[in-house]
Structure formats: structure tokens, C-alpha cells
């Protein structure tokens, strides 16, 4: 009969093999696995997996992203993002969750749960007409006094 298909092939719509080099943008409705070299962006409505021998230059956008190889570019993941022990990312991330194994490398800015996060409510100023002391005003007074003392010391020298 027919040879049995590799089980991993069912999980990914696009696979860039270990001995392959691609230049250009990859767009997929499903999941993408990169084991070779890619220069270009990956936009997936599924997951993206960067294998341990992969070298990728470009931005990645997907639901979940896992990196075991080397990526130079920004990553946006609406779900989970993980860098494994052999993984390296040089770029910024916007993700819902982030995990990095010991030995993994991440150099960039990290934004977690950026969608739907509300900024904290501003505190209303306290009416201090009664002359009540609070810790914040005491700290500010101490800092102001220290600054004045430091200026006086400089002017004496």
C-alpha cells in the first residue's frame, strides 16, 4: 500500500525542512514549522514552531509560538510564547503568556497581556485641610530636605 505519513506532518500546514532556505513572507491558515532558514515574516492563524536548527529573520505572528532555534525579529502571540533551552530570540514580544527555559536567550522588550489591560485608576488627591500626615508626603518632604542639604554641601566646597 501507501507509505505511512509522518504524524508531525498532520500537525503543520507548512514545513520548511532542515536543508531548505526560503526568502519571502509565509502566510497560513494553519500551523507552521520552520527547521531550515527563513528570511521573511510568518503570519499564521495557527501555531508557529521554530526547530532547533532553524535560523529565522523576520517577524512572527501566531496563536502560540515556540522557539528552539534562532529568531531575529519581533513576535506577537495571542496565546502562549515559549523559548526552549536551545532557543534564541533577538526582538520584542507581545504575548499572553511567556516562558523561557534555562539556557534560552531573550534580548528585547516584553509586553504581556497587552490586549484588554486597563491602566490603573488615578488616585484622587487627598484633602489635607486637617493637616493629617501621610507616608507619601513625609517621604517627599524628606527627599526635598535631602536635596537642599546636598546643594548646601556643594555650595560650601
Protein backbone atom coordinates (compact mmCIF):
# COMPACT_ATOMS: atom_id res chain seq x y z
CA UNK A 1 0.00 0.00 0.00
CA UNK A 2 0.98 3.62 0.52
CA UNK A 3 3.81 4.54 2.88
CA UNK A 4 2.67 5.74 6.26
CA UNK A 5 2.68 9.54 6.63
CA UNK A 6 4.77 11.15 9.30
CA UNK A 7 2.48 12.04 12.21
CA UNK A 8 4.01 15.53 12.58
CA UNK A 9 3.02 16.34 9.00
CA UNK A 10 -0.62 16.27 10.09
CA UNK A 11 0.02 18.96 12.69
CA UNK A 12 1.52 21.56 10.34
CA UNK A 13 0.19 23.02 7.11
CA UNK A 14 3.64 24.32 6.15
CA UNK A 15 7.01 22.75 6.99
CA UNK A 16 10.30 24.32 5.95
CA UNK A 17 12.77 21.43 6.05
CA UNK A 18 16.16 21.44 7.72
CA UNK A 19 18.01 21.68 4.38
CA UNK A 20 15.73 24.37 2.93
CA UNK A 21 16.22 28.12 2.58
CA UNK A 22 13.27 30.41 1.91
CA UNK A 23 13.13 34.15 1.28
CA UNK A 24 9.71 35.76 1.48
CA UNK A 25 6.59 36.01 3.60
CA UNK A 26 4.77 32.87 4.77
CA UNK A 27 1.03 33.19 5.40
CA UNK A 28 -1.00 30.22 6.63
CA UNK A 29 -4.49 29.45 7.90
CA UNK A 30 -2.90 26.59 9.88
CA UNK A 31 0.28 25.90 11.81
CA UNK A 32 3.83 26.40 10.51
CA UNK A 33 7.08 24.62 11.39
CA UNK A 34 10.48 26.03 10.41
CA UNK A 35 13.50 23.73 10.60
CA UNK A 36 15.62 25.42 7.91
CA UNK A 37 16.46 29.03 7.13
CA UNK A 38 13.83 31.69 6.53
CA UNK A 39 14.23 35.36 5.71
CA UNK A 40 10.76 36.87 5.90
CA UNK A 41 7.71 37.20 8.10
CA UNK A 42 5.50 34.32 9.26
CA UNK A 43 1.79 35.11 9.70
CA UNK A 44 -0.20 32.12 10.94
CA UNK A 45 -3.73 31.65 12.23
CA UNK A 46 -2.38 28.55 13.97
CA UNK A 47 0.84 27.90 15.84
CA UNK A 48 4.45 28.50 14.79
CA UNK A 49 7.30 26.24 15.84
CA UNK A 50 10.92 27.17 15.18
CA UNK A 51 13.04 24.00 15.31
CA UNK A 52 16.47 23.71 16.97
CA UNK A 53 18.43 24.00 13.69
CA UNK A 54 16.31 26.86 12.29
CA UNK A 55 17.53 30.40 11.67
CA UNK A 56 14.80 32.93 11.01
CA UNK A 57 14.97 36.64 10.29
CA UNK A 58 11.57 38.32 10.28
CA UNK A 59 8.50 38.91 12.39
CA UNK A 60 6.28 36.08 13.63
CA UNK A 61 2.56 36.42 14.31
CA UNK A 62 0.52 33.41 15.51
CA UNK A 63 -1.63 31.99 18.28
CA UNK A 64 1.18 30.10 20.03
CA UNK A 65 4.89 30.39 19.25
CA UNK A 66 7.67 28.00 20.34
CA UNK A 67 11.33 28.72 19.63
CA UNK A 68 14.11 26.14 19.80
CA UNK A 69 16.30 27.75 17.13
CA UNK A 70 17.37 31.32 16.40
CA UNK A 71 14.95 34.15 15.58
CA UNK A 72 15.80 37.76 14.82
CA UNK A 73 12.57 39.76 14.74
CA UNK A 74 9.50 40.61 16.77
CA UNK A 75 6.95 38.03 17.94
CA UNK A 76 3.23 38.55 18.52
CA UNK A 77 1.31 35.63 20.03
CA UNK A 78 -2.29 35.84 21.18
CA UNK A 79 -1.69 32.68 23.22
CA UNK A 80 1.47 31.22 24.72
CA UNK A 81 5.07 32.01 23.85
CA UNK A 82 7.99 29.81 24.87
CA UNK A 83 11.73 29.80 24.32
CA UNK A 84 13.33 26.41 24.87
CA UNK A 85 16.84 25.70 26.18
CA UNK A 86 18.42 25.98 22.71
CA UNK A 87 16.21 28.87 21.59
CA UNK A 88 17.31 32.45 20.98
CA UNK A 89 15.13 35.47 20.27
CA UNK A 90 16.52 38.89 19.42
CA UNK A 91 13.44 41.09 19.22
CA UNK A 92 10.40 42.35 21.09
CA UNK A 93 7.39 40.26 22.09
CA UNK A 94 3.68 40.91 22.64
CA UNK A 95 2.17 37.78 24.18
CA UNK A 96 -0.45 36.49 26.59
CA UNK A 97 1.99 34.24 28.45
CA UNK A 98 5.76 33.85 28.36
CA UNK A 99 8.06 31.01 29.44
CA UNK A 100 11.78 30.61 28.91
CA UNK A 101 13.78 27.52 29.75
CA UNK A 102 17.15 27.75 31.46
CA UNK A 103 19.72 28.34 28.74
CA UNK A 104 17.25 30.09 26.44
CA UNK A 105 18.17 33.60 25.24
CA UNK A 106 15.84 36.60 25.01
CA UNK A 107 17.02 40.10 24.15
CA UNK A 108 14.24 42.62 23.68
CA UNK A 109 11.18 44.21 25.20
CA UNK A 110 8.38 42.11 26.64
CA UNK A 111 4.69 43.09 26.67
CA UNK A 112 2.45 40.54 28.38
CA UNK A 113 -1.36 40.67 28.20
CA UNK A 114 -1.34 43.94 26.29
CA UNK A 115 -4.87 43.41 24.97
CA UNK A 116 -7.63 44.47 27.32
CA UNK A 117 -5.34 45.55 30.13
CA UNK A 118 -6.68 48.70 31.68
CA UNK A 119 -4.39 51.30 33.15
CA UNK A 120 -4.71 51.68 36.91
CA UNK A 121 -7.19 54.26 38.09
CA UNK A 122 -5.61 57.53 39.09
CA UNK A 123 -5.66 58.25 42.77
CA UNK A 124 -7.57 61.32 43.78
CA UNK A 125 -5.59 63.93 45.66
CA UNK A 126 -6.15 63.76 49.39
CA UNK A 127 -7.77 66.75 51.01
CA UNK A 128 -5.22 67.62 53.65
CA UNK A 129 -7.06 70.61 55.10
CA UNK A 130 -6.98 68.91 58.50
CA UNK A 131 -3.18 68.79 58.42
CA UNK A 132 -3.08 64.99 58.52
CA UNK A 133 0.27 63.41 57.75
CA UNK A 134 0.63 60.57 55.30
CA UNK A 135 3.66 58.49 54.38
CA UNK A 136 3.90 59.84 50.82
CA UNK A 137 4.04 63.47 51.90
CA UNK A 138 6.55 62.64 54.64
CA UNK A 139 8.77 60.84 52.10
CA UNK A 140 8.55 63.78 49.70
CA UNK A 141 9.44 66.22 52.49
CA UNK A 142 12.45 64.05 53.46
CA UNK A 143 13.60 63.91 49.82
CA UNK A 144 13.23 67.69 49.44
CA UNK A 145 15.23 68.23 52.65
CA UNK A 146 17.98 65.84 51.47
CA UNK A 147 18.21 67.64 48.13
CA UNK A 148 18.55 71.02 49.87
CA UNK A 149 21.21 69.61 52.21
CA UNK A 150 23.15 68.22 49.24
CA UNK A 151 23.00 71.60 47.49
CA UNK A 152 24.23 73.37 50.63
CA UNK A 153 27.17 70.96 50.92
CA UNK A 154 28.15 71.60 47.28
CA UNK A 155 27.98 75.38 47.74
CA UNK A 156 30.21 75.25 50.85
CA UNK A 157 33.01 73.46 48.95
